[in-house]
N, C-alpha and C. Protein backbone atom coordinates (compact mmCIF):
# COMPACT_ATOMS: atom_id res chain seq x y z
N MET A 1 151.30 59.82 152.28
CA MET A 1 150.44 60.83 152.85
C MET A 1 149.40 60.14 153.74
N THR A 2 149.15 60.73 154.88
CA THR A 2 148.15 60.22 155.80
C THR A 2 146.80 60.84 155.48
N LEU A 3 145.78 60.02 155.44
CA LEU A 3 144.43 60.50 155.19
C LEU A 3 143.85 61.12 156.46
N ALA A 4 143.00 62.11 156.29
CA ALA A 4 142.34 62.74 157.44
C ALA A 4 141.38 61.76 158.10
N SER A 5 140.71 60.95 157.32
CA SER A 5 139.74 59.97 157.84
C SER A 5 140.02 58.60 157.23
N VAL A 6 139.81 57.57 158.03
CA VAL A 6 140.01 56.19 157.56
C VAL A 6 138.98 55.86 156.48
N MET A 7 139.46 55.28 155.40
CA MET A 7 138.57 54.81 154.33
C MET A 7 138.72 53.29 154.26
N TYR A 8 137.68 52.59 154.69
CA TYR A 8 137.71 51.14 154.70
C TYR A 8 137.45 50.58 153.31
N PRO A 9 138.11 49.48 152.95
CA PRO A 9 137.85 48.86 151.64
C PRO A 9 136.40 48.37 151.54
N LEU A 10 135.90 48.38 150.32
CA LEU A 10 134.56 47.87 150.02
C LEU A 10 134.68 46.51 149.36
N LYS A 11 133.57 45.88 149.12
CA LYS A 11 133.52 44.59 148.44
C LYS A 11 132.61 44.75 147.23
N ASP A 12 133.13 44.50 146.02
CA ASP A 12 132.33 44.62 144.81
C ASP A 12 131.04 43.83 144.91
N GLY A 13 129.95 44.48 144.56
CA GLY A 13 128.65 43.81 144.56
C GLY A 13 128.01 43.65 145.92
N SER A 14 128.71 44.06 146.98
CA SER A 14 128.21 43.92 148.36
C SER A 14 127.59 42.55 148.61
N PRO A 15 128.37 41.45 148.44
CA PRO A 15 127.79 40.12 148.66
C PRO A 15 127.32 39.95 150.10
N LYS A 16 126.40 39.04 150.29
CA LYS A 16 125.78 38.84 151.59
C LYS A 16 126.03 37.43 152.12
N ALA A 17 126.07 37.36 153.44
CA ALA A 17 126.12 36.07 154.15
C ALA A 17 124.96 36.08 155.14
N LEU A 18 124.80 34.98 155.86
CA LEU A 18 123.75 34.88 156.86
C LEU A 18 124.37 34.60 158.22
N THR A 19 123.71 35.08 159.27
CA THR A 19 124.18 34.73 160.61
C THR A 19 123.89 33.24 160.83
N THR A 20 124.82 32.57 161.52
CA THR A 20 124.65 31.13 161.77
C THR A 20 124.31 30.86 163.23
N ALA A 21 124.16 31.93 164.00
CA ALA A 21 123.75 31.80 165.40
C ALA A 21 123.00 33.07 165.79
N ASP A 22 122.13 32.96 166.77
CA ASP A 22 121.45 34.15 167.28
C ASP A 22 122.48 35.09 167.89
N ILE A 23 122.17 36.38 167.88
CA ILE A 23 123.04 37.37 168.51
C ILE A 23 122.15 38.27 169.38
N THR A 24 122.58 38.46 170.62
CA THR A 24 121.84 39.34 171.53
C THR A 24 122.38 40.76 171.41
N GLY A 25 121.75 41.68 172.09
CA GLY A 25 122.19 43.08 172.06
C GLY A 25 123.52 43.33 172.76
N THR A 26 124.04 42.34 173.48
CA THR A 26 125.32 42.51 174.17
C THR A 26 126.44 41.65 173.58
N ASP A 27 126.14 40.75 172.66
CA ASP A 27 127.16 39.90 172.05
C ASP A 27 128.15 40.73 171.24
N THR A 28 129.40 40.29 171.24
CA THR A 28 130.43 40.97 170.44
C THR A 28 131.09 40.03 169.43
N GLN A 29 130.63 38.80 169.35
CA GLN A 29 131.07 37.88 168.30
C GLN A 29 129.87 37.57 167.43
N LEU A 30 130.07 37.73 166.13
CA LEU A 30 129.00 37.50 165.16
C LEU A 30 129.41 36.32 164.28
N TYR A 31 128.63 35.26 164.31
CA TYR A 31 128.92 34.06 163.52
C TYR A 31 128.16 34.15 162.20
N ILE A 32 128.91 33.99 161.09
CA ILE A 32 128.28 34.10 159.77
C ILE A 32 128.66 32.92 158.87
N SER A 33 127.87 32.74 157.82
CA SER A 33 128.00 31.58 156.94
C SER A 33 129.20 31.66 155.99
N ASP A 34 129.65 32.85 155.63
CA ASP A 34 130.74 32.97 154.65
C ASP A 34 131.54 34.24 154.91
N LEU A 35 132.71 34.09 155.50
CA LEU A 35 133.56 35.24 155.83
C LEU A 35 134.12 35.95 154.59
N SER A 36 134.11 35.28 153.44
CA SER A 36 134.69 35.91 152.23
C SER A 36 133.87 37.10 151.74
N VAL A 37 132.65 37.27 152.25
CA VAL A 37 131.83 38.42 151.82
C VAL A 37 132.32 39.72 152.46
N LEU A 38 133.19 39.59 153.47
CA LEU A 38 133.68 40.77 154.18
C LEU A 38 135.15 41.03 153.86
N PRO A 39 135.53 42.30 153.63
CA PRO A 39 136.95 42.63 153.45
C PRO A 39 137.73 42.38 154.75
N THR A 40 139.02 42.47 154.66
CA THR A 40 139.91 42.29 155.81
C THR A 40 139.55 43.28 156.92
N ALA A 41 139.70 42.84 158.16
CA ALA A 41 139.45 43.70 159.33
C ALA A 41 140.63 44.66 159.50
N PRO A 42 140.40 45.83 160.10
CA PRO A 42 139.12 46.36 160.56
C PRO A 42 138.30 46.89 159.40
N ASN A 43 137.00 46.90 159.59
CA ASN A 43 136.10 47.36 158.55
C ASN A 43 134.70 47.50 159.15
N LEU A 44 133.73 47.77 158.31
CA LEU A 44 132.35 47.93 158.76
C LEU A 44 131.47 46.86 158.12
N LEU A 45 130.38 46.51 158.82
CA LEU A 45 129.41 45.57 158.27
C LEU A 45 128.02 46.00 158.73
N ILE A 46 127.03 45.43 158.09
CA ILE A 46 125.65 45.65 158.51
C ILE A 46 125.00 44.29 158.75
N ILE A 47 124.23 44.22 159.83
CA ILE A 47 123.38 43.06 160.13
C ILE A 47 121.96 43.58 159.92
N TYR A 48 121.16 42.87 159.14
CA TYR A 48 119.81 43.37 158.89
C TYR A 48 118.85 42.25 158.55
N THR A 49 117.59 42.57 158.78
CA THR A 49 116.51 41.65 158.38
C THR A 49 115.57 42.33 157.40
N SER A 50 115.59 43.67 157.38
CA SER A 50 114.77 44.46 156.46
C SER A 50 115.36 45.86 156.39
N PRO A 51 114.88 46.69 155.48
CA PRO A 51 115.40 48.06 155.40
C PRO A 51 115.15 48.87 156.67
N THR A 52 114.25 48.43 157.52
CA THR A 52 113.95 49.18 158.74
C THR A 52 114.49 48.52 160.01
N VAL A 53 115.09 47.36 159.89
CA VAL A 53 115.68 46.68 161.05
C VAL A 53 117.13 46.33 160.71
N TRP A 54 118.06 47.12 161.25
CA TRP A 54 119.47 46.96 160.90
C TRP A 54 120.37 47.49 162.00
N GLU A 55 121.63 47.05 161.94
CA GLU A 55 122.66 47.56 162.84
C GLU A 55 123.99 47.56 162.09
N ARG A 56 124.65 48.71 162.10
CA ARG A 56 125.98 48.83 161.49
C ARG A 56 127.03 48.77 162.59
N CYS A 57 128.02 47.89 162.41
CA CYS A 57 129.08 47.70 163.41
C CYS A 57 130.45 47.75 162.74
N LYS A 58 131.42 48.14 163.51
CA LYS A 58 132.81 47.98 163.08
C LYS A 58 133.24 46.59 163.54
N TYR A 59 133.98 45.88 162.67
CA TYR A 59 134.55 44.62 163.13
C TYR A 59 136.07 44.76 163.16
N THR A 60 136.66 44.17 164.18
CA THR A 60 138.10 44.34 164.42
C THR A 60 138.90 43.07 164.16
N LEU A 61 138.20 41.95 164.05
CA LEU A 61 138.87 40.67 163.82
C LEU A 61 137.97 39.81 162.95
N LYS A 62 138.59 39.18 161.97
CA LYS A 62 137.88 38.24 161.10
C LYS A 62 138.61 36.91 161.26
N GLN A 63 137.88 35.89 161.70
CA GLN A 63 138.49 34.61 162.07
C GLN A 63 139.35 34.02 160.95
N SER A 64 138.86 34.06 159.71
CA SER A 64 139.62 33.56 158.58
C SER A 64 139.15 34.28 157.32
N ALA A 65 139.84 34.03 156.20
CA ALA A 65 139.51 34.73 154.96
C ALA A 65 138.20 34.27 154.35
N SER A 66 137.86 33.00 154.55
CA SER A 66 136.64 32.47 153.93
C SER A 66 136.06 31.35 154.78
N GLY A 67 134.91 30.86 154.33
CA GLY A 67 134.23 29.79 155.06
C GLY A 67 133.41 30.36 156.20
N ALA A 68 132.71 29.50 156.88
CA ALA A 68 131.92 29.91 158.05
C ALA A 68 132.86 30.28 159.18
N GLY A 69 132.45 31.22 160.00
CA GLY A 69 133.27 31.63 161.12
C GLY A 69 132.68 32.85 161.80
N TYR A 70 133.53 33.58 162.53
CA TYR A 70 133.03 34.73 163.27
C TYR A 70 133.89 35.96 163.04
N VAL A 71 133.29 37.11 163.36
CA VAL A 71 133.99 38.39 163.42
C VAL A 71 133.71 38.98 164.79
N ASN A 72 134.69 39.71 165.32
CA ASN A 72 134.48 40.45 166.57
C ASN A 72 133.96 41.83 166.20
N ILE A 73 132.83 42.22 166.79
CA ILE A 73 132.21 43.49 166.44
C ILE A 73 132.19 44.45 167.63
N ILE A 74 132.20 45.74 167.29
CA ILE A 74 132.07 46.81 168.29
C ILE A 74 130.68 47.41 168.12
N ARG A 75 129.94 47.45 169.20
CA ARG A 75 128.54 47.88 169.12
C ARG A 75 128.30 49.22 169.79
N SER A 76 129.26 50.13 169.57
CA SER A 76 129.15 51.51 170.06
C SER A 76 130.18 52.34 169.31
N GLY A 77 130.16 53.65 169.53
CA GLY A 77 131.17 54.53 168.93
C GLY A 77 130.66 55.23 167.68
N ASP A 78 131.54 56.02 167.09
CA ASP A 78 131.19 56.87 165.94
C ASP A 78 130.77 56.08 164.71
N GLU A 79 131.35 54.91 164.50
CA GLU A 79 131.05 54.15 163.28
C GLU A 79 129.88 53.18 163.46
N TRP A 80 129.34 53.12 164.67
CA TRP A 80 128.21 52.24 164.97
C TRP A 80 126.90 53.02 164.81
N ALA A 81 125.87 52.36 164.35
CA ALA A 81 124.52 52.94 164.28
C ALA A 81 123.52 51.80 164.17
N SER A 82 122.27 52.09 164.47
CA SER A 82 121.22 51.10 164.28
C SER A 82 119.90 51.79 164.01
N SER A 83 118.96 51.02 163.51
CA SER A 83 117.65 51.57 163.18
C SER A 83 116.86 51.94 164.44
N THR A 84 117.27 51.43 165.60
CA THR A 84 116.56 51.73 166.85
C THR A 84 117.36 52.64 167.77
N GLY A 85 118.62 52.86 167.46
CA GLY A 85 119.47 53.67 168.34
C GLY A 85 120.16 52.87 169.42
N SER A 86 119.94 51.56 169.45
CA SER A 86 120.63 50.71 170.42
C SER A 86 120.98 49.37 169.76
N ALA A 87 121.91 48.65 170.40
CA ALA A 87 122.29 47.33 169.88
C ALA A 87 121.06 46.43 169.91
N GLN A 88 120.93 45.60 168.89
CA GLN A 88 119.73 44.78 168.74
C GLN A 88 120.05 43.29 168.79
N SER A 89 119.03 42.52 168.97
CA SER A 89 119.14 41.06 168.87
C SER A 89 118.70 40.66 167.46
N PHE A 90 119.41 39.67 166.91
CA PHE A 90 119.05 39.13 165.59
C PHE A 90 119.05 37.61 165.68
N ALA A 91 118.07 37.00 165.05
CA ALA A 91 117.97 35.54 165.02
C ALA A 91 118.88 34.98 163.93
N THR A 92 119.19 33.72 164.04
CA THR A 92 119.93 33.02 163.00
C THR A 92 119.25 33.26 161.66
N GLY A 93 120.04 33.53 160.63
CA GLY A 93 119.49 33.78 159.30
C GLY A 93 119.41 35.25 158.93
N ALA A 94 119.79 36.16 159.84
CA ALA A 94 119.83 37.58 159.49
C ALA A 94 120.94 37.78 158.45
N LYS A 95 120.76 38.76 157.59
CA LYS A 95 121.75 39.03 156.53
C LYS A 95 122.90 39.87 157.09
N VAL A 96 124.11 39.63 156.52
CA VAL A 96 125.32 40.38 156.88
C VAL A 96 126.02 40.76 155.59
N ALA A 97 126.47 42.01 155.50
CA ALA A 97 127.15 42.47 154.28
C ALA A 97 128.06 43.66 154.59
N ARG A 98 128.94 43.95 153.65
CA ARG A 98 129.74 45.18 153.69
C ARG A 98 129.16 46.10 152.62
N ASN A 99 128.24 46.95 153.02
CA ASN A 99 127.63 47.91 152.10
C ASN A 99 128.35 49.25 152.21
N VAL A 100 127.94 50.20 151.41
CA VAL A 100 128.46 51.57 151.53
C VAL A 100 127.60 52.28 152.56
N PHE A 101 128.25 52.92 153.52
CA PHE A 101 127.55 53.54 154.64
C PHE A 101 127.85 55.03 154.72
N LYS A 102 127.12 55.73 155.57
CA LYS A 102 127.36 57.15 155.81
C LYS A 102 128.81 57.42 156.22
N PRO A 103 129.43 56.63 157.12
CA PRO A 103 130.83 56.91 157.46
C PRO A 103 131.77 56.84 156.24
N ASP A 104 131.44 56.01 155.25
CA ASP A 104 132.26 55.95 154.03
C ASP A 104 132.17 57.29 153.30
N PHE A 105 130.96 57.80 153.13
CA PHE A 105 130.77 59.08 152.47
C PHE A 105 131.42 60.20 153.28
N ASP A 106 131.25 60.18 154.60
CA ASP A 106 131.86 61.20 155.46
C ASP A 106 133.38 61.19 155.34
N ALA A 107 133.98 59.99 155.26
CA ALA A 107 135.44 59.87 155.12
C ALA A 107 135.90 60.44 153.78
N ILE A 108 135.16 60.15 152.72
CA ILE A 108 135.51 60.70 151.40
C ILE A 108 135.45 62.22 151.45
N GLN A 109 134.37 62.75 152.01
CA GLN A 109 134.22 64.20 152.12
C GLN A 109 135.35 64.82 152.92
N ALA A 110 135.67 64.24 154.07
CA ALA A 110 136.74 64.77 154.93
C ALA A 110 138.09 64.72 154.22
N ASN A 111 138.35 63.65 153.51
CA ASN A 111 139.63 63.52 152.81
C ASN A 111 139.73 64.48 151.63
N VAL A 112 138.64 64.70 150.91
CA VAL A 112 138.65 65.67 149.81
C VAL A 112 138.90 67.07 150.37
N THR A 113 138.21 67.43 151.45
CA THR A 113 138.39 68.74 152.08
C THR A 113 139.83 68.89 152.56
N ASP A 114 140.37 67.86 153.20
CA ASP A 114 141.76 67.90 153.68
C ASP A 114 142.73 68.08 152.51
N ASN A 115 142.50 67.35 151.42
CA ASN A 115 143.38 67.48 150.25
C ASN A 115 143.27 68.87 149.63
N GLU A 116 142.06 69.45 149.58
CA GLU A 116 141.90 70.80 149.05
C GLU A 116 142.67 71.81 149.90
N THR A 117 142.64 71.62 151.21
CA THR A 117 143.39 72.50 152.12
C THR A 117 144.88 72.37 151.87
N ARG A 118 145.34 71.13 151.71
CA ARG A 118 146.78 70.92 151.45
C ARG A 118 147.20 71.53 150.11
N VAL A 119 146.37 71.37 149.08
CA VAL A 119 146.68 71.94 147.77
C VAL A 119 146.72 73.47 147.86
N SER A 120 145.77 74.04 148.58
CA SER A 120 145.74 75.50 148.74
C SER A 120 147.00 75.99 149.45
N THR A 121 147.43 75.26 150.48
CA THR A 121 148.65 75.61 151.20
C THR A 121 149.86 75.52 150.27
N LEU A 122 149.91 74.46 149.46
CA LEU A 122 151.02 74.30 148.51
C LEU A 122 151.01 75.41 147.47
N GLU A 123 149.82 75.79 146.99
CA GLU A 123 149.73 76.87 146.01
C GLU A 123 150.25 78.17 146.61
N GLY A 124 149.95 78.42 147.88
CA GLY A 124 150.47 79.61 148.56
C GLY A 124 151.99 79.57 148.66
N SER A 125 152.53 78.39 148.96
CA SER A 125 153.98 78.23 149.04
C SER A 125 154.63 78.44 147.68
N VAL A 126 154.02 77.92 146.63
CA VAL A 126 154.55 78.10 145.27
C VAL A 126 154.54 79.58 144.91
N SER A 127 153.46 80.28 145.25
CA SER A 127 153.37 81.71 144.96
C SER A 127 154.47 82.48 145.69
N THR A 128 154.72 82.13 146.95
CA THR A 128 155.79 82.76 147.72
C THR A 128 157.14 82.49 147.08
N LEU A 129 157.36 81.24 146.66
CA LEU A 129 158.63 80.90 146.00
C LEU A 129 158.80 81.64 144.68
N GLU A 130 157.72 81.77 143.93
CA GLU A 130 157.80 82.52 142.66
C GLU A 130 158.18 83.96 142.92
N GLY A 131 157.64 84.56 143.98
CA GLY A 131 158.01 85.93 144.35
C GLY A 131 159.48 86.02 144.73
N SER A 132 159.96 85.02 145.46
CA SER A 132 161.38 85.01 145.85
C SER A 132 162.28 84.87 144.64
N VAL A 133 161.89 84.01 143.68
CA VAL A 133 162.67 83.84 142.45
C VAL A 133 162.71 85.16 141.68
N SER A 134 161.59 85.84 141.60
CA SER A 134 161.53 87.12 140.90
C SER A 134 162.45 88.14 141.56
N THR A 135 162.46 88.17 142.89
CA THR A 135 163.35 89.08 143.63
C THR A 135 164.80 88.74 143.36
N LEU A 136 165.12 87.44 143.35
CA LEU A 136 166.51 87.01 143.07
C LEU A 136 166.92 87.38 141.65
N GLU A 137 166.00 87.21 140.70
CA GLU A 137 166.30 87.59 139.32
C GLU A 137 166.60 89.07 139.22
N GLY A 138 165.86 89.90 139.95
CA GLY A 138 166.12 91.34 139.97
C GLY A 138 167.47 91.64 140.58
N SER A 139 167.84 90.92 141.64
CA SER A 139 169.14 91.13 142.29
C SER A 139 170.28 90.73 141.36
N VAL A 140 170.11 89.63 140.64
CA VAL A 140 171.13 89.18 139.68
C VAL A 140 171.30 90.23 138.58
N SER A 141 170.18 90.76 138.10
CA SER A 141 170.23 91.78 137.06
C SER A 141 170.98 93.02 137.55
N THR A 142 170.69 93.42 138.79
CA THR A 142 171.37 94.58 139.38
C THR A 142 172.87 94.31 139.50
N LEU A 143 173.22 93.10 139.95
CA LEU A 143 174.65 92.75 140.06
C LEU A 143 175.33 92.75 138.70
N GLU A 144 174.66 92.25 137.69
CA GLU A 144 175.24 92.24 136.34
C GLU A 144 175.47 93.67 135.86
N GLY A 145 174.53 94.55 136.17
CA GLY A 145 174.71 95.97 135.80
C GLY A 145 175.88 96.57 136.53
N SER A 146 176.05 96.23 137.81
CA SER A 146 177.17 96.76 138.59
C SER A 146 178.50 96.27 138.04
N VAL A 147 178.55 95.01 137.67
CA VAL A 147 179.78 94.45 137.09
C VAL A 147 180.09 95.15 135.77
N SER A 148 179.08 95.37 134.97
CA SER A 148 179.28 96.05 133.69
C SER A 148 179.81 97.47 133.89
N THR A 149 179.25 98.17 134.88
CA THR A 149 179.71 99.52 135.20
C THR A 149 181.16 99.50 135.65
N LEU A 150 181.51 98.54 136.52
CA LEU A 150 182.89 98.43 137.00
C LEU A 150 183.85 98.12 135.85
N GLU A 151 183.42 97.25 134.98
CA GLU A 151 184.28 96.92 133.84
C GLU A 151 184.54 98.15 132.98
N GLY A 152 183.53 98.99 132.83
CA GLY A 152 183.69 100.20 132.02
C GLY A 152 184.59 101.22 132.66
N ARG A 153 184.72 101.23 133.97
CA ARG A 153 185.54 102.20 134.68
C ARG A 153 186.97 101.71 134.91
N MET A 154 187.22 100.46 134.73
CA MET A 154 188.54 99.92 135.01
C MET A 154 189.50 100.17 133.85
N ASP A 155 190.68 100.20 134.24
CA ASP A 155 191.76 100.25 133.25
C ASP A 155 191.67 98.96 132.45
N PRO A 156 191.74 99.02 131.13
CA PRO A 156 191.61 97.81 130.31
C PRO A 156 192.60 96.70 130.69
N ILE A 157 193.75 97.05 131.14
CA ILE A 157 194.75 96.01 131.51
C ILE A 157 194.30 95.31 132.80
N VAL A 158 193.85 96.07 133.81
CA VAL A 158 193.40 95.49 135.06
C VAL A 158 192.15 94.64 134.82
N ALA A 159 191.24 95.14 134.00
CA ALA A 159 190.03 94.38 133.70
C ALA A 159 190.32 93.06 133.04
N SER A 160 191.29 93.02 132.13
CA SER A 160 191.63 91.76 131.48
C SER A 160 192.27 90.79 132.46
N LEU A 161 193.00 91.30 133.44
CA LEU A 161 193.59 90.42 134.45
C LEU A 161 192.50 89.85 135.38
N ILE A 162 191.50 90.66 135.73
CA ILE A 162 190.46 90.21 136.67
C ILE A 162 189.42 89.33 135.96
N PHE A 163 188.94 89.80 134.79
CA PHE A 163 187.84 89.12 134.14
C PHE A 163 188.26 88.22 132.98
N GLY A 164 189.54 88.16 132.73
CA GLY A 164 190.02 87.25 131.69
C GLY A 164 189.93 87.83 130.37
């Protein structure tokens, strides 16, 4: 089954790494101290220095599974946000993590709603099928009555030849 909205994997405990190089508001490569704190790409991350200075980005490439390295980030679009409304500069030592974000909650909500719609549609189909089965059962009953009537009207010899 295809989900209505992408649900990116999370990382238990939301471990953190640090940036190992400055990043300007136009940079799209983010160098960090430990790539193992981030799940496989694509996914979301946050760069922050405090609860009021942050930027959430989607990353599309993770250089390696662990160790120091870089991720390619997208600094615009539906999954991007920042505390200032624009891409920011961060100095070496800013924190980086895969936290739970609003898009994660929105994806869960959208997928639950989509599944409820699918279940409702299936329940309607089941109800229609139950009605069809009931109609068929009535038709079978009518046919059985017709056969019984025919058997009663037939000559016993002919009936035994036809019905055994």
